[in-house]
Amino acid sequence: MKKKGWVAAGVIALISVAILMIAFFSAQPEKRVSDGKPEGVNANYDMNLEMDEDGLFTVSSVIEVTNDSEDAWEEIGFYLVPNAMNAVETHSYRDRQAEVELFDVLIGGEPADFTLENNELMIQLPDELEVGGGVEVTVDYSLKVPEDGMRLAQVDGNFYLAHWYPMLAVYDNGWDIEDYDPKGESYDTGYGNFSVSYELPEEYLVASSADDGAIEAAASGELAGDDFKDFYIAFMDPEEWQTGTSQAGDTDLRVFMPADADLLEETIALAEETYSYFEKEIGDNPFDELDIIANDGYMEYPNVIEVATEQEAMEPILIHEIAHQWFYFLVTNDPFEDAWLDESLAEFLTALFISERNGDTDSGFWDASLSQASHPPEKYVNLPLDEFEEAAYYSTVYGKGPLMLKEFFDANGGRENALEFLSDYYAAFQFKRVDSEDFRTFFEDYFDGDQSEFLDSWIEPGDAP
C-alpha cells in the first residue's frame, strides 16, 4: 500500500510539473534551434587562380549550379563585380580600376551567349533548366586588381581578393542583380561550397575563408570549404607582416599585423575575448578558423575580417567585424535591400559588449550616437541601398538602427534581455536568409503585446501579401 501510494503521488506530481511546464513554455516565445546547415546550397565552385610576375591573375572557374527555384530558367545570373570597378561604371574608381578580360563562357563545355553590363553577367542556357536540374558553367578570364582599391585591392606587395570570382546571384522571381554600389555591399549571394587552388610566382602568406592551417608562406596550394556566403582570399608579402595565433573555444584565430605596428598582442587578446563572448552570449560558431588582417579594410567576409592598424580604431572595428560572423555570415540577408539587418545588428551587439566591458550601459553606443548625429538619418532603416545618400546611409544604418534597439531594450530588460533576444534570433535563423519582414514577425512573436507602433516608427512595413 505504501509503495502504491508513493507511485500514485509521484505520478500526480509529475503530471502537475508537466502542466506547469506546458503553461510556462506556452507563455514564452518559441525558440527555434538551427540544424546547423544552410537551407539550400545550389552552387559548387571549383576555381583556380594563377598570378604572373606582374601581378595579373588568370582565373578559371567551373560552377555547378542547381535550379532550386520554382521556375524553369532560360538564363543564369552572376555578379562579376570587378567589371564595374572602373571609371566608366563607378565614379570613385577614376584613379584605381580593375581590368577584366573574358576568355571563355561555357555551358556544359560549349560556348554560350552572354551579356556583361556593370557587374551583371547573364548567361543564356541552350535549353531550359528545369526545377531541380543542374548545369555546369565555366567562366575563364584575366583580372588586374586595382592598386589601392577598395576591398578588391593591391596594396604594395599584397593582394586582397574580395568578390573576385563569378558569384551566383539569388534567384527570387527573377534575377534581380543590382548595379555595383561601393557605399555598401550591393551583391546578394546564397551559400555555396568551394574548392580553390592557387599558383603564385613566389611565396606569400595566405588568408582565406577556408581553413588555412599554420601560418606559412606558400607559392601554391589548395583550399576547400562548404557553406560559405562568399569566398575571400589574400596573398600577403611575408616581409611586410608579423603574425600571431590564439584560440577561442574550438576556433583558431590567426592575426596578420603590419611589421611596423605595435598592436599584435593587444589585437590577439581582444579578438579572443570578443569571439569567446559572442559564442557564450549569442551561440556557437560552427567554423574552425577566423583570419584577422590589419590592413584598415574595415570589412567582413566569411571567416575573415579586415581591421584597423591604429590604436583608437582598433577596439570598435575589431569587435564590429567579428560580430558580423554571426550577423551577415551565419544569419544572412540581402545587403542591397536590408543592409541594416547585418550592420545595425552587428553594431548593436558591438555596443552591448563594449558597454559591458566598461561596466556601464551607454559607452558602447558612442559610435552609433556619433553616426546618427553626423547627418539627418532617414525615417526608415530598411531602404534599398540606392535610395540612401551616402551620409544618410551611415547615419541611419550604423546610427539610428542600433539606437532604436537600445531604446527598446532600455525599457524592456536591458542588456540581458537584448542578448537573449539576439541569441534566440540567431538560433532561429542560423544559415538562413532573412529580410525585414522576417525580423518584424520574429520580434512581434517574441515579445508580449502589440509591437507594431514601435516597429513601424523605424522599419518600413512591407507590401501586404
Protein backbone atom coordinates (compact mmCIF):
# COMPACT_ATOMS: atom_id res chain seq x y z
CA MET A 1 0.00 0.00 0.00
CA LYS A 2 2.71 2.46 0.87
CA LYS A 3 4.52 1.69 -2.39
CA LYS A 4 1.36 2.12 -4.44
CA GLY A 5 0.60 5.35 -2.62
CA TRP A 6 4.12 6.64 -3.30
CA VAL A 7 3.81 5.76 -7.01
CA ALA A 8 0.44 7.44 -7.26
CA ALA A 9 1.72 10.54 -5.54
CA GLY A 10 4.72 10.57 -7.86
CA VAL A 11 2.53 10.30 -10.92
CA ILE A 12 0.35 13.16 -9.70
CA ALA A 13 3.44 15.22 -9.00
CA LEU A 14 4.85 14.54 -12.45
CA ILE A 15 1.54 15.47 -14.07
CA SER A 16 1.49 18.69 -12.06
CA VAL A 17 5.02 19.53 -13.10
CA ALA A 18 4.18 18.77 -16.71
CA ILE A 19 1.16 21.05 -16.58
CA LEU A 20 3.24 23.83 -15.06
CA MET A 21 5.96 23.36 -17.70
CA ILE A 22 3.40 23.44 -20.51
CA ALA A 23 1.91 26.61 -19.08
CA PHE A 24 5.36 28.15 -18.64
CA PHE A 25 6.63 27.39 -22.12
CA SER A 26 3.31 28.40 -23.68
CA ALA A 27 3.90 31.85 -22.24
CA GLN A 28 7.45 32.01 -23.62
CA PRO A 29 8.44 32.96 -27.16
CA GLU A 30 9.04 29.99 -29.38
CA LYS A 31 12.76 29.23 -29.50
CA ARG A 32 13.72 27.51 -32.72
CA VAL A 33 17.01 25.68 -32.91
CA SER A 34 19.04 25.66 -36.10
CA ASP A 35 20.04 22.39 -37.69
CA GLY A 36 23.41 23.97 -38.38
CA LYS A 37 23.22 23.74 -42.18
CA PRO A 38 22.11 26.20 -44.88
CA GLU A 39 18.53 25.89 -46.03
CA GLY A 40 19.83 25.48 -49.59
CA VAL A 41 23.19 25.28 -51.35
CA ASN A 42 22.83 25.41 -55.12
CA ALA A 43 26.38 26.28 -56.20
CA ASN A 44 29.59 24.27 -56.09
CA TYR A 45 32.61 26.32 -57.13
CA ASP A 46 35.86 24.81 -58.44
CA MET A 47 38.30 27.64 -59.15
CA ASN A 48 41.95 28.10 -59.97
CA LEU A 49 43.98 31.30 -59.57
CA GLU A 50 47.30 31.85 -61.31
CA MET A 51 49.29 35.05 -60.77
CA ASP A 52 52.14 36.11 -63.04
CA GLU A 53 55.19 38.18 -62.08
CA ASP A 54 53.36 41.41 -62.97
CA GLY A 55 50.51 40.67 -60.58
CA LEU A 56 47.99 39.75 -63.30
CA PHE A 57 45.65 36.93 -62.32
CA THR A 58 44.22 34.31 -64.64
CA VAL A 59 41.06 32.80 -63.21
CA SER A 60 39.44 29.55 -64.26
CA SER A 61 36.09 28.91 -62.62
CA VAL A 62 33.76 25.94 -63.01
CA ILE A 63 30.47 26.31 -61.16
CA GLU A 64 27.94 23.51 -60.79
CA VAL A 65 24.57 25.24 -60.49
CA THR A 66 21.32 23.61 -59.40
CA ASN A 67 17.96 25.23 -60.09
CA ASP A 68 16.45 25.33 -56.61
CA SER A 69 13.69 27.80 -57.52
CA GLU A 70 10.08 27.17 -58.52
CA ASP A 71 10.64 28.31 -62.12
CA ALA A 72 12.43 26.88 -65.14
CA TRP A 73 15.43 29.01 -66.10
CA GLU A 74 16.35 30.29 -69.54
CA GLU A 75 19.44 32.09 -68.25
CA ILE A 76 21.66 32.20 -65.17
CA GLY A 77 22.78 35.38 -63.44
CA PHE A 78 26.12 36.06 -61.79
CA TYR A 79 27.77 39.04 -60.18
CA LEU A 80 31.17 39.78 -61.72
CA VAL A 81 31.93 42.77 -59.53
CA PRO A 82 35.43 43.63 -60.85
CA ASN A 83 33.88 44.52 -64.21
CA ALA A 84 32.19 47.51 -62.54
CA MET A 85 35.32 48.73 -60.74
CA ASN A 86 36.33 51.31 -63.33
CA ALA A 87 35.76 54.97 -64.09
CA VAL A 88 33.01 54.30 -66.63
CA GLU A 89 30.81 52.29 -64.27
CA THR A 90 31.80 53.69 -60.85
CA HIS A 91 32.88 57.31 -60.34
CA SER A 92 35.11 56.59 -57.33
CA TYR A 93 37.34 54.36 -59.47
CA ARG A 94 38.77 57.16 -61.61
CA ASP A 95 42.34 56.56 -60.43
CA ARG A 96 42.12 52.92 -59.35
CA GLN A 97 40.34 50.45 -61.54
CA ALA A 98 40.15 46.75 -62.17
CA GLU A 99 40.55 45.25 -65.62
CA VAL A 100 38.64 42.12 -66.67
CA GLU A 101 39.06 40.24 -69.95
CA LEU A 102 36.77 37.27 -70.52
CA PHE A 103 38.25 34.30 -72.37
CA ASP A 104 35.58 31.61 -72.21
CA VAL A 105 31.95 31.44 -71.09
CA LEU A 106 30.68 27.89 -71.45
CA ILE A 107 27.58 25.88 -70.56
CA GLY A 108 28.26 22.16 -70.32
CA GLY A 109 31.60 22.70 -72.08
CA GLU A 110 30.04 24.50 -75.07
CA PRO A 111 30.28 28.24 -75.85
CA ALA A 112 27.32 30.20 -74.50
CA ASP A 113 25.80 33.56 -75.37
CA PHE A 114 26.11 36.11 -72.57
CA THR A 115 25.90 39.78 -71.70
CA LEU A 116 28.14 41.64 -69.24
CA GLU A 117 26.95 45.04 -68.06
CA ASN A 118 28.21 46.77 -64.92
CA ASN A 119 28.60 43.78 -62.56
CA GLU A 120 25.81 41.69 -64.12
CA LEU A 121 26.88 38.61 -66.08
CA MET A 122 23.84 36.95 -67.68
CA ILE A 123 24.50 33.63 -69.42
CA GLN A 124 21.96 32.16 -71.81
CA LEU A 125 21.13 28.48 -71.45
CA PRO A 126 20.88 26.35 -74.61
CA ASP A 127 17.80 24.65 -73.12
CA GLU A 128 15.53 25.49 -70.23
CA LEU A 129 16.90 24.30 -66.89
CA GLU A 130 14.01 22.62 -65.16
CA VAL A 131 13.38 22.85 -61.43
CA GLY A 132 15.86 20.58 -59.66
CA GLY A 133 18.06 20.30 -62.73
CA GLY A 134 21.76 21.10 -62.81
CA VAL A 135 24.25 22.58 -65.25
CA GLU A 136 27.99 23.23 -65.36
CA VAL A 137 29.07 26.83 -66.03
CA THR A 138 32.64 27.76 -66.95
CA VAL A 139 33.92 31.34 -66.83
CA ASP A 140 37.60 31.98 -67.58
CA TYR A 141 39.13 35.45 -67.54
CA SER A 142 42.10 37.61 -66.57
CA LEU A 143 41.93 40.08 -63.70
CA LYS A 144 44.07 43.10 -62.93
CA VAL A 145 43.46 44.11 -59.33
CA PRO A 146 43.07 47.87 -58.64
CA GLU A 147 46.06 49.46 -56.95
CA ASP A 148 44.97 50.84 -53.58
CA GLY A 149 41.44 49.77 -54.47
CA MET A 150 38.55 49.23 -52.09
CA ARG A 151 38.03 45.63 -50.91
CA LEU A 152 39.44 44.16 -54.12
CA ALA A 153 42.87 45.75 -53.91
CA GLN A 154 46.59 45.57 -54.47
CA VAL A 155 48.48 47.49 -51.79
CA ASP A 156 52.25 47.42 -52.21
CA GLY A 157 53.10 43.73 -52.47
CA ASN A 158 49.79 42.48 -51.06
CA PHE A 159 46.69 41.30 -52.88
CA TYR A 160 43.28 41.33 -51.18
CA LEU A 161 40.78 39.43 -53.30
CA ALA A 162 37.19 40.19 -52.36
CA HIS A 163 34.31 39.39 -54.78
CA TRP A 164 36.90 38.38 -57.39
CA TYR A 165 35.03 35.46 -58.98
CA PRO A 166 31.65 34.94 -60.73
CA MET A 167 29.23 34.94 -57.77
CA LEU A 168 25.94 33.17 -58.41
CA ALA A 169 23.11 35.61 -57.70
CA VAL A 170 19.99 34.76 -55.72
CA TYR A 171 17.00 33.91 -57.90
CA ASP A 172 13.83 35.38 -56.39
CA ASN A 173 11.07 35.53 -59.00
CA GLY A 174 13.82 36.54 -61.40
CA TRP A 175 17.49 37.51 -61.47
CA ASP A 176 17.43 40.89 -59.76
CA ILE A 177 21.09 41.92 -59.99
CA GLU A 178 21.69 45.49 -58.90
CA ASP A 179 24.46 47.72 -60.21
CA TYR A 180 27.60 47.85 -58.07
CA ASP A 181 27.34 50.44 -55.29
CA PRO A 182 30.57 50.94 -53.31
CA LYS A 183 28.99 52.70 -50.33
CA GLY A 184 27.70 49.33 -49.13
CA GLU A 185 27.53 45.73 -50.30
CA SER A 186 25.31 45.51 -53.36
CA TYR A 187 25.70 41.83 -54.24
CA ASP A 188 23.22 39.25 -52.93
CA THR A 189 24.57 35.70 -52.84
CA GLY A 190 23.49 32.45 -51.23
CA TYR A 191 25.62 29.79 -49.56
CA GLY A 192 27.96 27.68 -51.64
CA ASN A 193 30.68 25.04 -51.47
CA PHE A 194 34.17 26.00 -52.64
CA SER A 195 37.35 24.39 -53.89
CA VAL A 196 40.09 26.91 -54.73
CA SER A 197 43.64 26.26 -55.91
CA TYR A 198 46.32 28.89 -56.48
CA GLU A 199 49.72 29.20 -58.14
CA LEU A 200 51.90 32.23 -57.44
CA PRO A 201 55.26 33.42 -58.78
CA GLU A 202 56.75 33.48 -55.27
CA GLU A 203 55.76 32.63 -51.71
CA TYR A 204 53.06 34.66 -49.96
CA LEU A 205 51.22 34.42 -46.67
CA VAL A 206 47.69 33.23 -47.40
CA ALA A 207 44.47 34.04 -45.54
CA SER A 208 41.11 32.85 -46.83
CA SER A 209 37.57 31.84 -45.97
CA ALA A 210 38.74 28.21 -45.86
CA ASP A 211 40.79 26.63 -43.08
CA ASP A 212 44.36 27.65 -43.94
CA GLY A 213 46.14 25.90 -41.06
CA ALA A 214 49.53 27.04 -39.80
CA ILE A 215 50.72 30.47 -40.95
CA GLU A 216 53.37 29.65 -43.52
CA ALA A 217 54.33 31.29 -46.79
CA ALA A 218 53.47 29.28 -49.89
CA ALA A 219 53.63 29.61 -53.67
CA SER A 220 50.83 27.14 -54.38
CA GLY A 221 48.06 25.40 -52.54
CA GLU A 222 44.56 24.02 -52.47
CA LEU A 223 41.76 25.24 -50.22
CA ALA A 224 38.24 23.96 -49.69
CA GLY A 225 35.21 24.60 -47.55
CA ASP A 226 31.46 24.32 -47.51
CA ASP A 227 28.60 26.63 -46.61
CA PHE A 228 30.28 29.97 -47.29
CA LYS A 229 28.28 33.02 -48.34
CA ASP A 230 31.22 34.10 -50.48
CA PHE A 231 34.94 33.34 -50.68
CA TYR A 232 37.74 35.76 -49.82
CA ILE A 233 41.47 35.15 -50.23
CA ALA A 234 44.52 37.35 -49.59
CA PHE A 235 48.13 36.92 -50.68
CA MET A 236 50.50 38.94 -48.49
CA ASP A 237 54.22 39.72 -48.73
CA PRO A 238 55.83 37.84 -45.78
CA GLU A 239 58.33 40.65 -45.20
CA GLU A 240 55.57 43.17 -44.52
CA TRP A 241 53.77 41.27 -41.76
CA GLN A 242 54.10 39.99 -38.22
CA THR A 243 51.71 37.23 -37.25
CA GLY A 244 50.28 35.55 -34.19
CA THR A 245 47.71 32.96 -33.23
CA SER A 246 45.34 32.20 -30.41
CA GLN A 247 42.26 30.10 -29.78
CA ALA A 248 38.72 30.93 -28.69
CA GLY A 249 36.89 27.75 -27.82
CA ASP A 250 37.30 25.44 -30.80
CA THR A 251 38.22 28.25 -33.22
CA ASP A 252 41.75 29.17 -34.25
CA LEU A 253 42.37 32.91 -34.50
CA ARG A 254 45.13 33.93 -36.93
CA VAL A 255 46.23 37.57 -36.82
CA PHE A 256 48.22 39.42 -39.50
CA MET A 257 49.62 42.78 -38.37
CA PRO A 258 51.91 45.16 -40.32
CA ALA A 259 55.51 44.64 -39.28
CA ASP A 260 55.87 48.22 -38.04
CA ALA A 261 52.66 48.23 -35.94
CA ASP A 262 52.67 47.68 -32.17
CA LEU A 263 49.21 46.18 -31.77
CA LEU A 264 49.69 42.46 -32.37
CA GLU A 265 49.37 41.14 -28.82
CA GLU A 266 46.58 43.57 -27.97
CA THR A 267 44.63 42.59 -31.09
CA ILE A 268 45.06 38.88 -30.37
CA ALA A 269 43.86 39.29 -26.78
CA LEU A 270 40.80 41.37 -27.73
CA ALA A 271 39.88 39.02 -30.59
CA GLU A 272 39.98 36.04 -28.22
CA GLU A 273 37.88 37.86 -25.63
CA THR A 274 35.35 39.08 -28.21
CA TYR A 275 34.92 35.80 -30.04
CA SER A 276 34.51 33.89 -26.78
CA TYR A 277 31.93 36.41 -25.53
CA PHE A 278 29.84 36.16 -28.70
CA GLU A 279 29.90 32.36 -28.64
CA LYS A 280 28.80 32.39 -24.99
CA GLU A 281 26.10 35.04 -25.34
CA ILE A 282 24.84 34.55 -28.92
CA GLY A 283 25.64 30.97 -29.88
CA ASP A 284 28.27 28.60 -31.18
CA ASN A 285 30.06 29.46 -34.40
CA PRO A 286 30.48 26.18 -36.30
CA PHE A 287 33.65 27.20 -38.17
CA ASP A 288 37.17 26.39 -37.00
CA GLU A 289 39.21 29.40 -38.09
CA LEU A 290 38.98 33.18 -38.23
CA ASP A 291 41.64 35.25 -40.05
CA ILE A 292 42.16 38.84 -38.87
CA ILE A 293 44.05 41.12 -41.27
CA ALA A 294 45.03 44.58 -40.01
CA ASN A 295 45.03 46.47 -43.31
CA ASP A 296 42.50 49.20 -42.46
CA GLY A 297 39.94 47.50 -44.70
CA TYR A 298 37.17 47.66 -42.05
CA MET A 299 35.28 44.82 -43.73
CA GLU A 300 33.83 41.38 -43.07
CA TYR A 301 33.90 38.17 -45.10
CA PRO A 302 33.19 34.55 -44.16
CA ASN A 303 35.87 33.57 -41.64
CA VAL A 304 37.97 36.65 -42.48
CA ILE A 305 37.86 40.23 -41.23
CA GLU A 306 39.88 43.32 -42.16
CA VAL A 307 40.53 45.60 -39.19
CA ALA A 308 42.36 48.72 -38.06
CA THR A 309 46.05 49.38 -37.59
CA GLU A 310 45.57 52.42 -35.32
CA GLN A 311 45.00 52.21 -31.56
CA GLU A 312 41.92 54.46 -31.45
CA ALA A 313 40.01 52.49 -34.08
CA MET A 314 41.22 49.01 -33.19
CA GLU A 315 38.67 48.12 -30.49
CA PRO A 316 35.33 49.16 -32.08
CA ILE A 317 36.29 47.98 -35.57
CA LEU A 318 37.61 44.60 -34.44
CA ILE A 319 34.54 43.89 -32.31
CA HIS A 320 32.11 45.06 -35.01
CA GLU A 321 33.71 42.93 -37.73
CA ILE A 322 33.78 39.84 -35.51
CA ALA A 323 30.08 40.43 -34.75
CA HIS A 324 29.44 40.17 -38.49
CA GLN A 325 30.42 36.50 -38.38
CA TRP A 326 27.09 35.99 -36.61
CA PHE A 327 25.05 38.70 -38.36
CA TYR A 328 25.95 38.73 -42.07
CA PHE A 329 27.56 35.33 -42.47
CA LEU A 330 25.68 32.86 -40.24
CA VAL A 331 22.41 34.78 -40.40
CA THR A 332 22.41 36.30 -43.86
CA ASN A 333 20.37 38.90 -45.73
CA ASP A 334 20.28 40.85 -48.97
CA PRO A 335 22.71 43.72 -48.22
CA PHE A 336 21.23 45.85 -51.00
CA GLU A 337 17.65 45.68 -49.74
CA ASP A 338 18.23 45.17 -46.00
CA ALA A 339 21.72 46.32 -45.07
CA TRP A 340 20.53 47.20 -41.58
CA LEU A 341 19.90 43.54 -40.74
CA ASP A 342 23.61 42.90 -40.62
CA GLU A 343 25.11 46.35 -39.99
CA SER A 344 22.68 47.59 -37.32
CA LEU A 345 22.61 44.24 -35.51
CA ALA A 346 26.39 43.91 -35.63
CA GLU A 347 26.79 47.45 -34.28
CA PHE A 348 24.16 46.84 -31.59
CA LEU A 349 25.96 43.69 -30.45
CA THR A 350 29.28 45.55 -30.53
CA ALA A 351 27.88 48.32 -28.34
CA LEU A 352 26.41 45.88 -25.82
CA PHE A 353 29.78 44.17 -25.44
CA ILE A 354 31.81 47.38 -25.14
CA SER A 355 29.40 48.77 -22.55
CA GLU A 356 29.66 45.59 -20.50
CA ARG A 357 33.47 45.69 -20.71
CA ASN A 358 33.36 49.28 -19.48
CA GLY A 359 30.93 48.48 -16.66
CA ASP A 360 28.10 50.72 -17.87
CA THR A 361 25.13 50.71 -20.25
CA ASP A 362 25.89 53.57 -22.65
CA SER A 363 29.59 53.93 -23.54
CA GLY A 364 29.46 51.28 -26.26
CA PHE A 365 26.84 53.30 -28.13
CA TRP A 366 29.08 56.33 -28.53
CA ASP A 367 29.97 55.45 -32.15
CA ALA A 368 26.30 54.88 -33.04
CA SER A 369 25.40 58.24 -31.50
CA LEU A 370 28.15 59.98 -33.46
CA SER A 371 26.99 58.29 -36.67
CA GLN A 372 23.39 59.35 -36.15
CA ALA A 373 24.43 62.93 -35.32
CA SER A 374 26.69 63.20 -38.37
CA HIS A 375 23.77 63.63 -40.79
CA PRO A 376 19.96 63.55 -40.51
CA PRO A 377 19.00 59.88 -40.75
CA GLU A 378 16.18 58.57 -42.89
CA LYS A 379 12.90 57.67 -41.20
CA TYR A 380 13.25 54.01 -42.14
CA VAL A 381 16.36 51.89 -41.78
CA ASN A 382 15.33 49.33 -44.41
CA LEU A 383 15.54 51.43 -47.56
CA PRO A 384 17.33 49.90 -50.56
CA LEU A 385 20.95 50.94 -50.89
CA ASP A 386 20.35 53.12 -53.95
CA GLU A 387 17.73 55.19 -52.10
CA PHE A 388 20.25 56.33 -49.50
CA GLU A 389 22.58 59.28 -49.93
CA GLU A 390 25.95 58.13 -48.64
CA ALA A 391 25.92 60.29 -45.49
CA ALA A 392 22.35 59.25 -44.66
CA TYR A 393 23.21 55.59 -45.19
CA TYR A 394 25.83 55.71 -42.45
CA SER A 395 23.79 57.81 -40.04
CA THR A 396 20.74 55.56 -40.48
CA VAL A 397 22.17 52.05 -40.68
CA TYR A 398 25.09 52.46 -38.25
CA GLY A 399 23.46 55.05 -36.03
CA LYS A 400 19.67 55.03 -35.91
CA GLY A 401 19.25 51.26 -36.19
CA PRO A 402 21.28 50.24 -33.13
CA LEU A 403 19.99 53.21 -31.14
CA MET A 404 16.36 52.25 -31.77
CA LEU A 405 17.12 48.77 -30.45
CA LYS A 406 18.84 50.31 -27.45
CA GLU A 407 15.78 52.46 -26.75
CA PHE A 408 13.55 49.40 -26.77
CA PHE A 409 15.70 47.22 -24.54
CA ASP A 410 16.49 50.04 -22.11
CA ALA A 411 12.76 49.91 -21.34
CA ASN A 412 12.47 46.11 -21.62
CA GLY A 413 15.02 44.25 -19.57
CA GLY A 414 18.26 45.91 -20.62
CA ARG A 415 21.38 44.19 -21.86
CA GLU A 416 20.50 40.73 -20.51
CA ASN A 417 17.23 40.61 -22.45
CA ALA A 418 18.85 42.12 -25.53
CA LEU A 419 21.50 39.40 -25.62
CA GLU A 420 18.87 36.72 -25.03
CA PHE A 421 16.82 38.08 -27.93
CA LEU A 422 19.83 38.11 -30.26
CA SER A 423 20.71 34.57 -29.20
CA ASP A 424 17.21 33.29 -29.92
CA TYR A 425 17.11 35.17 -33.23
CA TYR A 426 20.44 33.57 -34.18
CA ALA A 427 19.17 30.11 -33.21
CA ALA A 428 16.03 30.61 -35.29
CA PHE A 429 17.76 31.85 -38.44
CA GLN A 430 21.27 30.40 -38.47
CA PHE A 431 22.30 29.62 -42.07
CA LYS A 432 19.07 31.21 -43.31
CA ARG A 433 18.37 34.30 -45.40
CA VAL A 434 16.15 36.85 -43.67
CA ASP A 435 14.51 40.11 -44.64
CA SER A 436 12.90 42.96 -42.72
CA GLU A 437 9.52 41.23 -42.62
CA ASP A 438 11.11 38.11 -41.10
CA PHE A 439 12.63 40.30 -38.40
CA ARG A 440 9.32 42.08 -37.73
CA THR A 441 7.43 38.79 -37.46
CA PHE A 442 10.01 37.28 -35.13
CA PHE A 443 10.04 40.44 -32.99
CA GLU A 444 6.23 40.55 -32.75
CA ASP A 445 6.03 36.87 -31.82
CA TYR A 446 8.86 37.14 -29.31
CA PHE A 447 7.51 39.94 -27.11
CA ASP A 448 4.15 40.25 -25.39
CA GLY A 449 1.77 42.86 -26.69
CA ASP A 450 1.48 44.68 -29.99
CA GLN A 451 4.91 45.91 -31.12
CA SER A 452 3.73 47.40 -34.42
CA GLU A 453 3.83 51.04 -33.28
CA PHE A 454 7.48 50.74 -32.27
CA LEU A 455 8.49 48.76 -35.35
CA ASP A 456 6.55 50.98 -37.77
CA SER A 457 8.39 54.04 -36.44
CA TRP A 458 11.72 52.92 -37.96
CA ILE A 459 11.18 49.83 -40.14
CA GLU A 460 9.03 50.45 -43.22
CA PRO A 461 6.29 47.79 -43.44
CA GLY A 462 6.41 45.56 -46.49
CA ASP A 463 3.65 45.24 -49.03
CA ALA A 464 0.64 43.27 -47.87
CA PRO A 465 0.51 39.76 -49.34
